[in-house]
Amino acid sequence: MTYLIPAIQEIEFLDNINLEIFENYYDDFMSYPIWEERKYYNKEYLAKLDNELNIIDQKYKQPIFDKCAEIIEKFGYIKNGC
């Protein structure tokens, strides 16, 4: 996600798309152990954190899908550019 936010911000520069939802989502989950960090925590604590992360995911799921749809719609004319 850290890589994607700067890459996505180039689109905002080009077309003035508000990408705050991605930054908010990242800010909300960045303090949680992700990937390799998880091996340093016990299962019970991770289960508690996973419940909290699920709440964050549910909060942002639809707004992120909506923002992605907006980006796809605005740049749908670009084919095979990646």
PDB file of N, CA and C in Angstrom:
ATOM      1  N   MET A   1       0.821  -1.189   0.000  1.00  0.00           N
ATOM      2  CA  MET A   1       0.000   0.000   0.000  1.00  0.00           C
ATOM      3  C   MET A   1       0.864   1.251   0.000  1.00  0.00           C
ATOM      4  N   THR A   2       1.977   1.212   0.722  1.00  0.00           N
ATOM      5  CA  THR A   2       2.864   2.363   0.761  1.00  0.00           C
ATOM      6  C   THR A   2       3.327   2.734  -0.635  1.00  0.00           C
ATOM      7  N   TYR A   3       3.578   1.731  -1.466  1.00  0.00           N
ATOM      8  CA  TYR A   3       4.003   1.977  -2.840  1.00  0.00           C
ATOM      9  C   TYR A   3       2.872   2.566  -3.669  1.00  0.00           C
ATOM     10  N   LEU A   4       1.665   2.084  -3.449  1.00  0.00           N
ATOM     11  CA  LEU A   4       0.545   2.493  -4.291  1.00  0.00           C
ATOM     12  C   LEU A   4       0.124   3.939  -4.074  1.00  0.00           C
ATOM     13  N   ILE A   5       0.172   4.417  -2.845  1.00  0.00           N
ATOM     14  CA  ILE A   5      -0.291   5.773  -2.581  1.00  0.00           C
ATOM     15  C   ILE A   5       0.507   6.807  -3.375  1.00  0.00           C
ATOM     16  N   PRO A   6       1.837   6.790  -3.368  1.00  0.00           N
ATOM     17  CA  PRO A   6       2.550   7.771  -4.202  1.00  0.00           C
ATOM     18  C   PRO A   6       2.259   7.588  -5.694  1.00  0.00           C
ATOM     19  N   ALA A   7       2.105   6.351  -6.149  1.00  0.00           N
ATOM     20  CA  ALA A   7       1.819   6.106  -7.555  1.00  0.00           C
ATOM     21  C   ALA A   7       0.433   6.640  -7.913  1.00  0.00           C
ATOM     22  N   ILE A   8      -0.527   6.443  -7.049  1.00  0.00           N
ATOM     23  CA  ILE A   8      -1.881   6.913  -7.295  1.00  0.00           C
ATOM     24  C   ILE A   8      -1.929   8.439  -7.270  1.00  0.00           C
ATOM     25  N   GLN A   9      -1.102   9.069  -6.458  1.00  0.00           N
ATOM     26  CA  GLN A   9      -1.116  10.528  -6.357  1.00  0.00           C
ATOM     27  C   GLN A   9      -0.755  11.198  -7.672  1.00  0.00           C
ATOM     28  N   GLU A  10      -0.050  10.506  -8.542  1.00  0.00           N
ATOM     29  CA  GLU A  10       0.234  11.068  -9.860  1.00  0.00           C
ATOM     30  C   GLU A  10      -1.065  11.283 -10.641  1.00  0.00           C
ATOM     31  N   ILE A  11      -2.028  10.405 -10.444  1.00  0.00           N
ATOM     32  CA  ILE A  11      -3.325  10.563 -11.100  1.00  0.00           C
ATOM     33  C   ILE A  11      -4.020  11.808 -10.573  1.00  0.00           C
ATOM     34  N   GLU A  12      -3.953  12.016  -9.256  1.00  0.00           N
ATOM     35  CA  GLU A  12      -4.577  13.203  -8.676  1.00  0.00           C
ATOM     36  C   GLU A  12      -3.983  14.459  -9.308  1.00  0.00           C
ATOM     37  N   PHE A  13      -2.695  14.461  -9.507  1.00  0.00           N
ATOM     38  CA  PHE A  13      -2.042  15.610 -10.116  1.00  0.00           C
ATOM     39  C   PHE A  13      -2.572  15.835 -11.525  1.00  0.00           C
ATOM     40  N   LEU A  14      -2.804  14.766 -12.251  1.00  0.00           N
ATOM     41  CA  LEU A  14      -3.256  14.889 -13.625  1.00  0.00           C
ATOM     42  C   LEU A  14      -4.724  15.270 -13.746  1.00  0.00           C
ATOM     43  N   ASP A  15      -5.552  14.777 -12.829  1.00  0.00           N
ATOM     44  CA  ASP A  15      -6.985  14.947 -13.034  1.00  0.00           C
ATOM     45  C   ASP A  15      -7.728  15.445 -11.798  1.00  0.00           C
ATOM     46  N   ASN A  16      -7.006  15.861 -10.799  1.00  0.00           N
ATOM     47  CA  ASN A  16      -7.599  16.421  -9.597  1.00  0.00           C
ATOM     48  C   ASN A  16      -8.619  15.483  -8.950  1.00  0.00           C
ATOM     49  N   ILE A  17      -8.244  14.225  -8.794  1.00  0.00           N
ATOM     50  CA  ILE A  17      -9.074  13.239  -8.110  1.00  0.00           C
ATOM     51  C   ILE A  17      -8.698  13.258  -6.634  1.00  0.00           C
ATOM     52  N   ASN A  18      -9.683  13.354  -5.775  1.00  0.00           N
ATOM     53  CA  ASN A  18      -9.440  13.358  -4.340  1.00  0.00           C
ATOM     54  C   ASN A  18      -9.162  11.922  -3.883  1.00  0.00           C
ATOM     55  N   LEU A  19      -7.950  11.683  -3.427  1.00  0.00           N
ATOM     56  CA  LEU A  19      -7.535  10.340  -3.023  1.00  0.00           C
ATOM     57  C   LEU A  19      -7.415  10.203  -1.506  1.00  0.00           C
ATOM     58  N   GLU A  20      -8.026  11.098  -0.795  1.00  0.00           N
ATOM     59  CA  GLU A  20      -7.925  11.110   0.657  1.00  0.00           C
ATOM     60  C   GLU A  20      -8.388   9.794   1.279  1.00  0.00           C
ATOM     61  N   ILE A  21      -9.346   9.115   0.678  1.00  0.00           N
ATOM     62  CA  ILE A  21      -9.854   7.865   1.230  1.00  0.00           C
ATOM     63  C   ILE A  21      -8.754   6.821   1.354  1.00  0.00           C
ATOM     64  N   PHE A  22      -7.828   6.769   0.384  1.00  0.00           N
ATOM     65  CA  PHE A  22      -6.721   5.816   0.444  1.00  0.00           C
ATOM     66  C   PHE A  22      -5.764   6.167   1.569  1.00  0.00           C
ATOM     67  N   GLU A  23      -5.494   7.437   1.724  1.00  0.00           N
ATOM     68  CA  GLU A  23      -4.596   7.882   2.789  1.00  0.00           C
ATOM     69  C   GLU A  23      -5.217   7.633   4.160  1.00  0.00           C
ATOM     70  N   ASN A  24      -6.508   7.883   4.296  1.00  0.00           N
ATOM     71  CA  ASN A  24      -7.195   7.631   5.567  1.00  0.00           C
ATOM     72  C   ASN A  24      -7.165   6.153   5.928  1.00  0.00           C
ATOM     73  N   TYR A  25      -7.432   5.320   4.947  1.00  0.00           N
ATOM     74  CA  TYR A  25      -7.392   3.869   5.173  1.00  0.00           C
ATOM     75  C   TYR A  25      -5.997   3.441   5.611  1.00  0.00           C
ATOM     76  N   TYR A  26      -5.001   3.899   4.905  1.00  0.00           N
ATOM     77  CA  TYR A  26      -3.621   3.564   5.252  1.00  0.00           C
ATOM     78  C   TYR A  26      -3.284   4.051   6.661  1.00  0.00           C
ATOM     79  N   ASP A  27      -3.657   5.264   6.987  1.00  0.00           N
ATOM     80  CA  ASP A  27      -3.380   5.813   8.318  1.00  0.00           C
ATOM     81  C   ASP A  27      -4.038   4.985   9.414  1.00  0.00           C
ATOM     82  N   ASP A  28      -5.245   4.487   9.146  1.00  0.00           N
ATOM     83  CA  ASP A  28      -5.965   3.711  10.158  1.00  0.00           C
ATOM     84  C   ASP A  28      -5.356   2.333  10.404  1.00  0.00           C
ATOM     85  N   PHE A  29      -4.777   1.713   9.383  1.00  0.00           N
ATOM     86  CA  PHE A  29      -4.242   0.368   9.615  1.00  0.00           C
ATOM     87  C   PHE A  29      -2.722   0.309   9.755  1.00  0.00           C
ATOM     88  N   MET A  30      -2.024   1.382   9.527  1.00  0.00           N
ATOM     89  CA  MET A  30      -0.564   1.332   9.514  1.00  0.00           C
ATOM     90  C   MET A  30       0.059   0.993  10.875  1.00  0.00           C
ATOM     91  N   SER A  31      -0.650   1.199  11.951  1.00  0.00           N
ATOM     92  CA  SER A  31      -0.091   0.897  13.266  1.00  0.00           C
ATOM     93  C   SER A  31      -0.268  -0.574  13.659  1.00  0.00           C
ATOM     94  N   TYR A  32      -0.949  -1.344  12.818  1.00  0.00           N
ATOM     95  CA  TYR A  32      -1.169  -2.763  13.103  1.00  0.00           C
ATOM     96  C   TYR A  32      -0.053  -3.602  12.490  1.00  0.00           C
ATOM     97  N   PRO A  33       0.275  -4.715  13.130  1.00  0.00           N
ATOM     98  CA  PRO A  33       1.289  -5.592  12.545  1.00  0.00           C
ATOM     99  C   PRO A  33       0.751  -6.283  11.289  1.00  0.00           C
ATOM    100  N   ILE A  34       1.480  -6.116  10.213  1.00  0.00           N
ATOM    101  CA  ILE A  34       1.111  -6.700   8.926  1.00  0.00           C
ATOM    102  C   ILE A  34       2.331  -7.470   8.417  1.00  0.00           C
ATOM    103  N   TRP A  35       2.082  -8.527   7.676  1.00  0.00           N
ATOM    104  CA  TRP A  35       3.128  -9.347   7.067  1.00  0.00           C
ATOM    105  C   TRP A  35       4.032  -9.973   8.125  1.00  0.00           C
ATOM    106  N   GLU A  36       5.305  -9.773   8.017  1.00  0.00           N
ATOM    107  CA  GLU A  36       6.300 -10.433   8.878  1.00  0.00           C
ATOM    108  C   GLU A  36       6.178 -10.031  10.342  1.00  0.00           C
ATOM    109  N   GLU A  37       5.705  -8.853  10.607  1.00  0.00           N
ATOM    110  CA  GLU A  37       5.579  -8.381  11.984  1.00  0.00           C
ATOM    111  C   GLU A  37       4.671  -9.281  12.813  1.00  0.00           C
ATOM    112  N   ARG A  38       3.739  -9.952  12.182  1.00  0.00           N
ATOM    113  CA  ARG A  38       2.758 -10.766  12.897  1.00  0.00           C
ATOM    114  C   ARG A  38       3.385 -11.948  13.632  1.00  0.00           C
ATOM    115  N   LYS A  39       4.527 -12.383  13.198  1.00  0.00           N
ATOM    116  CA  LYS A  39       5.145 -13.550  13.838  1.00  0.00           C
ATOM    117  C   LYS A  39       5.646 -13.245  15.249  1.00  0.00           C
ATOM    118  N   TYR A  40       5.673 -11.987  15.629  1.00  0.00           N
ATOM    119  CA  TYR A  40       6.156 -11.593  16.950  1.00  0.00           C
ATOM    120  C   TYR A  40       5.044 -11.484  17.990  1.00  0.00           C
ATOM    121  N   TYR A  41       3.805 -11.790  17.600  1.00  0.00           N
ATOM    122  CA  TYR A  41       2.656 -11.667  18.490  1.00  0.00           C
ATOM    123  C   TYR A  41       2.014 -13.027  18.712  1.00  0.00           C
ATOM    124  N   ASN A  42       1.377 -13.200  19.873  1.00  0.00           N
ATOM    125  CA  ASN A  42       0.693 -14.467  20.120  1.00  0.00           C
ATOM    126  C   ASN A  42      -0.664 -14.479  19.416  1.00  0.00           C
ATOM    127  N   LYS A  43      -1.214 -15.675  19.273  1.00  0.00           N
ATOM    128  CA  LYS A  43      -2.437 -15.863  18.491  1.00  0.00           C
ATOM    129  C   LYS A  43      -3.634 -15.119  19.075  1.00  0.00           C
ATOM    130  N   GLU A  44      -3.734 -15.093  20.404  1.00  0.00           N
ATOM    131  CA  GLU A  44      -4.868 -14.427  21.027  1.00  0.00           C
ATOM    132  C   GLU A  44      -4.849 -12.920  20.744  1.00  0.00           C
ATOM    133  N   TYR A  45      -3.675 -12.326  20.845  1.00  0.00           N
ATOM    134  CA  TYR A  45      -3.550 -10.897  20.586  1.00  0.00           C
ATOM    135  C   TYR A  45      -3.808 -10.599  19.105  1.00  0.00           C
ATOM    136  N   LEU A  46      -3.298 -11.460  18.241  1.00  0.00           N
ATOM    137  CA  LEU A  46      -3.539 -11.270  16.807  1.00  0.00           C
ATOM    138  C   LEU A  46      -5.024 -11.376  16.469  1.00  0.00           C
ATOM    139  N   ALA A  47      -5.732 -12.271  17.140  1.00  0.00           N
ATOM    140  CA  ALA A  47      -7.174 -12.407  16.915  1.00  0.00           C
ATOM    141  C   ALA A  47      -7.889 -11.109  17.289  1.00  0.00           C
ATOM    142  N   LYS A  48      -7.481 -10.495  18.400  1.00  0.00           N
ATOM    143  CA  LYS A  48      -8.058  -9.211  18.813  1.00  0.00           C
ATOM    144  C   LYS A  48      -7.759  -8.136  17.770  1.00  0.00           C
ATOM    145  N   LEU A  49      -6.515  -8.084  17.315  1.00  0.00           N
ATOM    146  CA  LEU A  49      -6.145  -7.098  16.303  1.00  0.00           C
ATOM    147  C   LEU A  49      -6.870  -7.343  14.987  1.00  0.00           C
ATOM    148  N   ASP A  50      -7.035  -8.606  14.629  1.00  0.00           N
ATOM    149  CA  ASP A  50      -7.739  -8.929  13.388  1.00  0.00           C
ATOM    150  C   ASP A  50      -9.194  -8.463  13.440  1.00  0.00           C
ATOM    151  N   ASN A  51      -9.814  -8.562  14.606  1.00  0.00           N
ATOM    152  CA  ASN A  51     -11.180  -8.042  14.752  1.00  0.00           C
ATOM    153  C   ASN A  51     -11.205  -6.536  14.516  1.00  0.00           C
ATOM    154  N   GLU A  52     -10.231  -5.841  15.059  1.00  0.00           N
ATOM    155  CA  GLU A  52     -10.141  -4.397  14.855  1.00  0.00           C
ATOM    156  C   GLU A  52      -9.884  -4.070  13.382  1.00  0.00           C
ATOM    157  N   LEU A  53      -9.013  -4.838  12.757  1.00  0.00           N
ATOM    158  CA  LEU A  53      -8.726  -4.619  11.334  1.00  0.00           C
ATOM    159  C   LEU A  53      -9.948  -4.882  10.466  1.00  0.00           C
ATOM    160  N   ASN A  54     -10.731  -5.878  10.839  1.00  0.00           N
ATOM    161  CA  ASN A  54     -11.961  -6.166  10.090  1.00  0.00           C
ATOM    162  C   ASN A  54     -12.933  -4.991  10.145  1.00  0.00           C
ATOM    163  N   ILE A  55     -12.994  -4.332  11.291  1.00  0.00           N
ATOM    164  CA  ILE A  55     -13.851  -3.155  11.425  1.00  0.00           C
ATOM    165  C   ILE A  55     -13.355  -2.033  10.504  1.00  0.00           C
ATOM    166  N   ILE A  56     -12.040  -1.846  10.477  1.00  0.00           N
ATOM    167  CA  ILE A  56     -11.450  -0.836   9.596  1.00  0.00           C
ATOM    168  C   ILE A  56     -11.741  -1.184   8.137  1.00  0.00           C
ATOM    169  N   ASP A  57     -11.547  -2.442   7.781  1.00  0.00           N
ATOM    170  CA  ASP A  57     -11.817  -2.873   6.397  1.00  0.00           C
ATOM    171  C   ASP A  57     -13.266  -2.606   6.001  1.00  0.00           C
ATOM    172  N   GLN A  58     -14.188  -2.945   6.883  1.00  0.00           N
ATOM    173  CA  GLN A  58     -15.602  -2.741   6.572  1.00  0.00           C
ATOM    174  C   GLN A  58     -15.940  -1.254   6.439  1.00  0.00           C
ATOM    175  N   LYS A  59     -15.294  -0.430   7.242  1.00  0.00           N
ATOM    176  CA  LYS A  59     -15.526   1.018   7.185  1.00  0.00           C
ATOM    177  C   LYS A  59     -15.117   1.589   5.823  1.00  0.00           C
ATOM    178  N   TYR A  60     -14.029   1.080   5.280  1.00  0.00           N
ATOM    179  CA  TYR A  60     -13.466   1.660   4.060  1.00  0.00           C
ATOM    180  C   TYR A  60     -13.775   0.888   2.781  1.00  0.00           C
ATOM    181  N   LYS A  61     -14.299  -0.311   2.901  1.00  0.00           N
ATOM    182  CA  LYS A  61     -14.475  -1.169   1.733  1.00  0.00           C
ATOM    183  C   LYS A  61     -15.286  -0.488   0.616  1.00  0.00           C
ATOM    184  N   GLN A  62     -16.477  -0.054   0.913  1.00  0.00           N
ATOM    185  CA  GLN A  62     -17.315   0.544  -0.128  1.00  0.00           C
ATOM    186  C   GLN A  62     -16.771   1.880  -0.623  1.00  0.00           C
ATOM    187  N   PRO A  63     -16.316   2.770   0.271  1.00  0.00           N
ATOM    188  CA  PRO A  63     -15.748   4.026  -0.242  1.00  0.00           C
ATOM    189  C   PRO A  63     -14.521   3.807  -1.143  1.00  0.00           C
ATOM    190  N   ILE A  64     -13.707   2.807  -0.835  1.00  0.00           N
ATOM    191  CA  ILE A  64     -12.543   2.524  -1.682  1.00  0.00           C
ATOM    192  C   ILE A  64     -12.999   1.952  -3.019  1.00  0.00           C
ATOM    193  N   PHE A  65     -13.964   1.040  -3.003  1.00  0.00           N
ATOM    194  CA  PHE A  65     -14.504   0.521  -4.267  1.00  0.00           C
ATOM    195  C   PHE A  65     -15.086   1.653  -5.114  1.00  0.00           C
ATOM    196  N   ASP A  66     -15.808   2.557  -4.463  1.00  0.00           N
ATOM    197  CA  ASP A  66     -16.390   3.690  -5.182  1.00  0.00           C
ATOM    198  C   ASP A  66     -15.314   4.569  -5.800  1.00  0.00           C
ATOM    199  N   LYS A  67     -14.248   4.825  -5.042  1.00  0.00           N
ATOM    200  CA  LYS A  67     -13.165   5.666  -5.557  1.00  0.00           C
ATOM    201  C   LYS A  67     -12.446   4.970  -6.700  1.00  0.00           C
ATOM    202  N   CYS A  68     -12.241   3.668  -6.592  1.00  0.00           N
ATOM    203  CA  CYS A  68     -11.606   2.912  -7.683  1.00  0.00           C
ATOM    204  C   CYS A  68     -12.473   2.969  -8.943  1.00  0.00           C
ATOM    205  N   ALA A  69     -13.779   2.841  -8.766  1.00  0.00           N
ATOM    206  CA  ALA A  69     -14.687   2.925  -9.910  1.00  0.00           C
ATOM    207  C   ALA A  69     -14.605   4.297 -10.563  1.00  0.00           C
ATOM    208  N   GLU A  70     -14.489   5.332  -9.747  1.00  0.00           N
ATOM    209  CA  GLU A  70     -14.349   6.690 -10.285  1.00  0.00           C
ATOM    210  C   GLU A  70     -13.061   6.825 -11.104  1.00  0.00           C
ATOM    211  N   ILE A  71     -11.970   6.292 -10.572  1.00  0.00           N
ATOM    212  CA  ILE A  71     -10.686   6.353 -11.273  1.00  0.00           C
ATOM    213  C   ILE A  71     -10.762   5.579 -12.586  1.00  0.00           C
ATOM    214  N   ILE A  72     -11.345   4.383 -12.530  1.00  0.00           N
ATOM    215  CA  ILE A  72     -11.468   3.557 -13.742  1.00  0.00           C
ATOM    216  C   ILE A  72     -12.333   4.264 -14.776  1.00  0.00           C
ATOM    217  N   GLU A  73     -13.399   4.877 -14.315  1.00  0.00           N
ATOM    218  CA  GLU A  73     -14.284   5.586 -15.245  1.00  0.00           C
ATOM    219  C   GLU A  73     -13.560   6.766 -15.901  1.00  0.00           C
ATOM    220  N   LYS A  74     -12.809   7.521 -15.125  1.00  0.00           N
ATOM    221  CA  LYS A  74     -12.125   8.691 -15.672  1.00  0.00           C
ATOM    222  C   LYS A  74     -10.974   8.323 -16.598  1.00  0.00           C
ATOM    223  N   PHE A  75     -10.357   7.172 -16.331  1.00  0.00           N
ATOM    224  CA  PHE A  75      -9.201   6.783 -17.133  1.00  0.00           C
ATOM    225  C   PHE A  75      -9.458   5.529 -17.936  1.00  0.00           C
ATOM    226  N   GLY A  76     -10.711   5.163 -18.141  1.00  0.00           N
ATOM    227  CA  GLY A  76     -11.073   3.978 -18.878  1.00  0.00           C
ATOM    228  C   GLY A  76     -10.641   4.016 -20.344  1.00  0.00           C
ATOM    229  N   TYR A  77     -10.427   5.203 -20.855  1.00  0.00           N
ATOM    230  CA  TYR A  77     -10.008   5.331 -22.253  1.00  0.00           C
ATOM    231  C   TYR A  77      -8.563   4.892 -22.462  1.00  0.00           C
ATOM    232  N   ILE A  78      -7.792   4.784 -21.402  1.00  0.00           N
ATOM    233  CA  ILE A  78      -6.403   4.337 -21.504  1.00  0.00           C
ATOM    234  C   ILE A  78      -6.402   2.805 -21.499  1.00  0.00           C
ATOM    235  N   LYS A  79      -5.949   2.202 -22.547  1.00  0.00           N
ATOM    236  CA  LYS A  79      -5.938   0.743 -22.662  1.00  0.00           C
ATOM    237  C   LYS A  79      -4.485   0.251 -22.734  1.00  0.00           C
ATOM    238  N   ASN A  80      -4.203  -0.807 -22.006  1.00  0.00           N
ATOM    239  CA  ASN A  80      -2.887  -1.460 -22.047  1.00  0.00           C
ATOM    240  C   ASN A  80      -1.734  -0.494 -21.809  1.00  0.00           C
ATOM    241  N   GLY A  81      -1.954   0.468 -20.919  1.00  0.00           N
ATOM    242  CA  GLY A  81      -0.898   1.437 -20.617  1.00  0.00           C
ATOM    243  C   GLY A  81       0.076   0.970 -19.570  1.00  0.00           C
ATOM    244  N   CYS A  82      -0.238  -0.113 -18.907  1.00  0.00           N
ATOM    245  CA  CYS A  82       0.630  -0.586 -17.832  1.00  0.00           C
ATOM    246  C   CYS A  82       1.506  -1.731 -18.297  1.00  0.00           C
TER     247      CYS A  82
END
